[in-house]
Structure formats: structure tokens, C-alpha cells
Amino acid sequence: MADIVNLRQFKKRKAKDAKEQSAAENRIVFGRTKTEKQFDRNVSRRTELFLDGNRLETDVPPGKDKP
């Protein structure tokens, strides 16, 4: 004989399991701490400043000499 199942509870459990699966996927994709995000921003900023400071060419219009 089959077990008796309350459909309302079954639907709620299925929805809860789907939501938990989605949350687990989001934790993998977006789960970085504030410190990790800040570190990446700092590295990016330092790299950009380094490259700008060591640029060989400047934005001088053609025909104009450097001062």
C-alpha cells in the first residue's frame, strides 16, 4: 500500500528545496567576502595607476610638440 502524502506539504517542500538549490548556486557565484572584493578593487586601482604612470605616449594632438 502506498504512503499517504499531503499535497500542500509536498508542494511547499519542493519549493523550499528549489529555493535552497538556487541559493547554493548563488553562494558559489556571488559568495565573496567584503575583504576579497576590496582587495580586488585595490589591485585593480594600483595596476591602473602603474600603467598610467608608465605610459610612453601622452595625449598630444598631432603637429604639437611636447613642452
N, C-alpha and C. Protein backbone atom coordinates (compact mmCIF):
# COMPACT_ATOMS: atom_id res chain seq x y z
N MET A 1 0.84 -1.17 0.00
CA MET A 1 0.00 0.00 0.00
C MET A 1 0.89 1.24 0.00
N ALA A 2 0.48 2.26 -0.71
CA ALA A 2 1.26 3.49 -0.85
C ALA A 2 1.09 4.38 0.38
N ASP A 3 2.10 5.20 0.61
CA ASP A 3 2.04 6.16 1.72
C ASP A 3 1.10 7.30 1.35
N ILE A 4 0.42 7.81 2.35
CA ILE A 4 -0.47 8.95 2.15
C ILE A 4 0.38 10.22 2.19
N VAL A 5 0.20 11.08 1.17
CA VAL A 5 1.00 12.29 1.06
C VAL A 5 0.09 13.49 1.07
N ASN A 6 0.42 14.47 1.89
CA ASN A 6 -0.31 15.72 1.90
C ASN A 6 0.28 16.59 0.79
N LEU A 7 -0.52 16.88 -0.23
CA LEU A 7 -0.02 17.61 -1.39
C LEU A 7 0.44 19.02 -1.05
N ARG A 8 -0.23 19.67 -0.11
CA ARG A 8 0.16 21.02 0.28
C ARG A 8 1.58 21.00 0.85
N GLN A 9 1.85 20.07 1.75
CA GLN A 9 3.19 19.96 2.32
C GLN A 9 4.21 19.54 1.27
N PHE A 10 3.83 18.69 0.35
CA PHE A 10 4.72 18.24 -0.70
C PHE A 10 5.13 19.42 -1.59
N LYS A 11 4.17 20.26 -1.96
CA LYS A 11 4.46 21.43 -2.80
C LYS A 11 5.37 22.42 -2.07
N LYS A 12 5.09 22.63 -0.78
CA LYS A 12 5.92 23.55 0.00
C LYS A 12 7.36 23.03 0.11
N ARG A 13 7.51 21.74 0.35
CA ARG A 13 8.85 21.16 0.46
C ARG A 13 9.59 21.24 -0.87
N LYS A 14 8.89 20.99 -1.96
CA LYS A 14 9.51 21.05 -3.28
C LYS A 14 9.96 22.48 -3.58
N ALA A 15 9.14 23.47 -3.25
CA ALA A 15 9.50 24.87 -3.47
C ALA A 15 10.70 25.26 -2.59
N LYS A 16 10.71 24.79 -1.36
CA LYS A 16 11.81 25.09 -0.44
C LYS A 16 13.11 24.47 -0.94
N ASP A 17 13.05 23.25 -1.44
CA ASP A 17 14.25 22.60 -1.98
C ASP A 17 14.77 23.33 -3.21
N ALA A 18 13.87 23.79 -4.07
CA ALA A 18 14.28 24.54 -5.26
C ALA A 18 14.94 25.86 -4.87
N LYS A 19 14.37 26.53 -3.87
CA LYS A 19 14.93 27.80 -3.40
C LYS A 19 16.31 27.58 -2.78
N GLU A 20 16.48 26.52 -2.03
CA GLU A 20 17.77 26.20 -1.43
C GLU A 20 18.81 25.88 -2.50
N GLN A 21 18.42 25.19 -3.55
CA GLN A 21 19.33 24.88 -4.66
C GLN A 21 19.78 26.17 -5.34
N SER A 22 18.84 27.08 -5.56
CA SER A 22 19.16 28.37 -6.17
C SER A 22 20.10 29.17 -5.28
N ALA A 23 19.86 29.15 -3.98
CA ALA A 23 20.71 29.87 -3.04
C ALA A 23 22.12 29.28 -3.03
N ALA A 24 22.24 27.99 -3.12
CA ALA A 24 23.56 27.35 -3.15
C ALA A 24 24.33 27.76 -4.40
N GLU A 25 23.65 27.83 -5.53
CA GLU A 25 24.29 28.26 -6.77
C GLU A 25 24.74 29.72 -6.66
N ASN A 26 23.91 30.57 -6.07
CA ASN A 26 24.26 31.98 -5.91
C ASN A 26 25.44 32.16 -4.95
N ARG A 27 25.52 31.33 -3.92
CA ARG A 27 26.65 31.43 -3.00
C ARG A 27 27.96 31.13 -3.71
N ILE A 28 27.93 30.20 -4.65
CA ILE A 28 29.12 29.87 -5.42
C ILE A 28 29.50 31.03 -6.34
N VAL A 29 28.52 31.60 -7.01
CA VAL A 29 28.78 32.65 -7.99
C VAL A 29 29.12 33.98 -7.32
N PHE A 30 28.36 34.39 -6.33
CA PHE A 30 28.50 35.71 -5.73
C PHE A 30 29.10 35.69 -4.33
N GLY A 31 29.50 34.55 -3.86
CA GLY A 31 29.92 34.41 -2.46
C GLY A 31 31.33 34.85 -2.18
N ARG A 32 31.60 36.13 -2.30
CA ARG A 32 32.90 36.66 -1.93
C ARG A 32 32.72 37.59 -0.74
N THR A 33 33.70 37.59 0.13
CA THR A 33 33.60 38.44 1.31
C THR A 33 33.91 39.88 0.93
N LYS A 34 33.58 40.79 1.81
CA LYS A 34 33.84 42.21 1.59
C LYS A 34 35.34 42.46 1.43
N THR A 35 36.14 41.75 2.21
CA THR A 35 37.58 41.92 2.15
C THR A 35 38.12 41.48 0.79
N GLU A 36 37.62 40.37 0.26
CA GLU A 36 38.06 39.91 -1.06
C GLU A 36 37.71 40.91 -2.15
N LYS A 37 36.50 41.46 -2.08
CA LYS A 37 36.09 42.45 -3.06
C LYS A 37 36.97 43.70 -2.97
N GLN A 38 37.24 44.16 -1.75
CA GLN A 38 38.05 45.34 -1.54
C GLN A 38 39.48 45.10 -2.03
N PHE A 39 40.02 43.93 -1.78
CA PHE A 39 41.36 43.58 -2.23
C PHE A 39 41.44 43.65 -3.76
N ASP A 40 40.45 43.07 -4.45
CA ASP A 40 40.43 43.10 -5.91
C ASP A 40 40.33 44.52 -6.44
N ARG A 41 39.52 45.37 -5.78
CA ARG A 41 39.42 46.77 -6.20
C ARG A 41 40.76 47.48 -6.04
N ASN A 42 41.45 47.23 -4.93
CA ASN A 42 42.75 47.85 -4.69
C ASN A 42 43.80 47.40 -5.71
N VAL A 43 43.82 46.13 -6.02
CA VAL A 43 44.76 45.62 -7.01
C VAL A 43 44.48 46.25 -8.37
N SER A 44 43.22 46.34 -8.73
CA SER A 44 42.85 46.94 -10.00
C SER A 44 43.26 48.42 -10.04
N ARG A 45 43.02 49.14 -8.96
CA ARG A 45 43.37 50.56 -8.91
C ARG A 45 44.88 50.75 -9.01
N ARG A 46 45.65 49.94 -8.26
CA ARG A 46 47.10 50.06 -8.31
C ARG A 46 47.64 49.73 -9.70
N THR A 47 47.08 48.73 -10.34
CA THR A 47 47.51 48.37 -11.69
C THR A 47 47.23 49.50 -12.66
N GLU A 48 46.05 50.09 -12.56
CA GLU A 48 45.68 51.20 -13.44
C GLU A 48 46.61 52.41 -13.22
N LEU A 49 46.90 52.73 -11.97
CA LEU A 49 47.80 53.84 -11.68
C LEU A 49 49.22 53.57 -12.19
N PHE A 50 49.67 52.34 -12.05
CA PHE A 50 51.00 51.97 -12.53
C PHE A 50 51.08 52.13 -14.05
N LEU A 51 50.08 51.62 -14.74
CA LEU A 51 50.08 51.71 -16.20
C LEU A 51 49.97 53.14 -16.68
N ASP A 52 49.14 53.95 -16.01
CA ASP A 52 49.01 55.36 -16.39
C ASP A 52 50.31 56.12 -16.14
N GLY A 53 51.00 55.80 -15.06
CA GLY A 53 52.24 56.48 -14.73
C GLY A 53 53.40 56.10 -15.64
N ASN A 54 53.33 54.93 -16.24
CA ASN A 54 54.41 54.46 -17.10
C ASN A 54 54.04 54.46 -18.58
N ARG A 55 53.07 55.26 -18.92
CA ARG A 55 52.62 55.34 -20.32
C ARG A 55 53.71 56.02 -21.16
N LEU A 56 54.01 55.46 -22.32
CA LEU A 56 55.04 56.02 -23.19
C LEU A 56 54.52 57.19 -24.00
N GLU A 57 53.29 57.13 -24.41
CA GLU A 57 52.70 58.19 -25.22
C GLU A 57 51.74 59.00 -24.37
N THR A 58 51.67 60.29 -24.67
CA THR A 58 50.69 61.15 -24.00
C THR A 58 49.67 61.58 -25.03
N ASP A 59 48.62 62.19 -24.58
CA ASP A 59 47.56 62.64 -25.47
C ASP A 59 47.89 64.02 -26.03
N VAL A 60 48.87 64.06 -26.93
CA VAL A 60 49.28 65.31 -27.56
C VAL A 60 48.73 65.30 -28.98
N PRO A 61 48.00 66.36 -29.38
CA PRO A 61 47.47 66.39 -30.75
C PRO A 61 48.60 66.37 -31.77
N PRO A 62 48.37 65.81 -32.97
CA PRO A 62 49.40 65.78 -33.99
C PRO A 62 49.82 67.19 -34.39
N GLY A 63 51.12 67.40 -34.65
CA GLY A 63 51.63 68.69 -35.03
C GLY A 63 52.06 69.53 -33.86
N LYS A 64 51.72 69.17 -32.65
CA LYS A 64 52.10 69.92 -31.44
C LYS A 64 53.30 69.20 -30.82
N ASP A 65 54.28 69.97 -30.40
CA ASP A 65 55.43 69.38 -29.71
C ASP A 65 55.15 69.34 -28.23
N LYS A 66 55.89 68.46 -27.58
CA LYS A 66 55.79 68.38 -26.12
C LYS A 66 56.46 69.59 -25.51
N PRO A 67 55.96 70.11 -24.41
CA PRO A 67 56.58 71.28 -23.77
C PRO A 67 57.93 70.99 -23.19
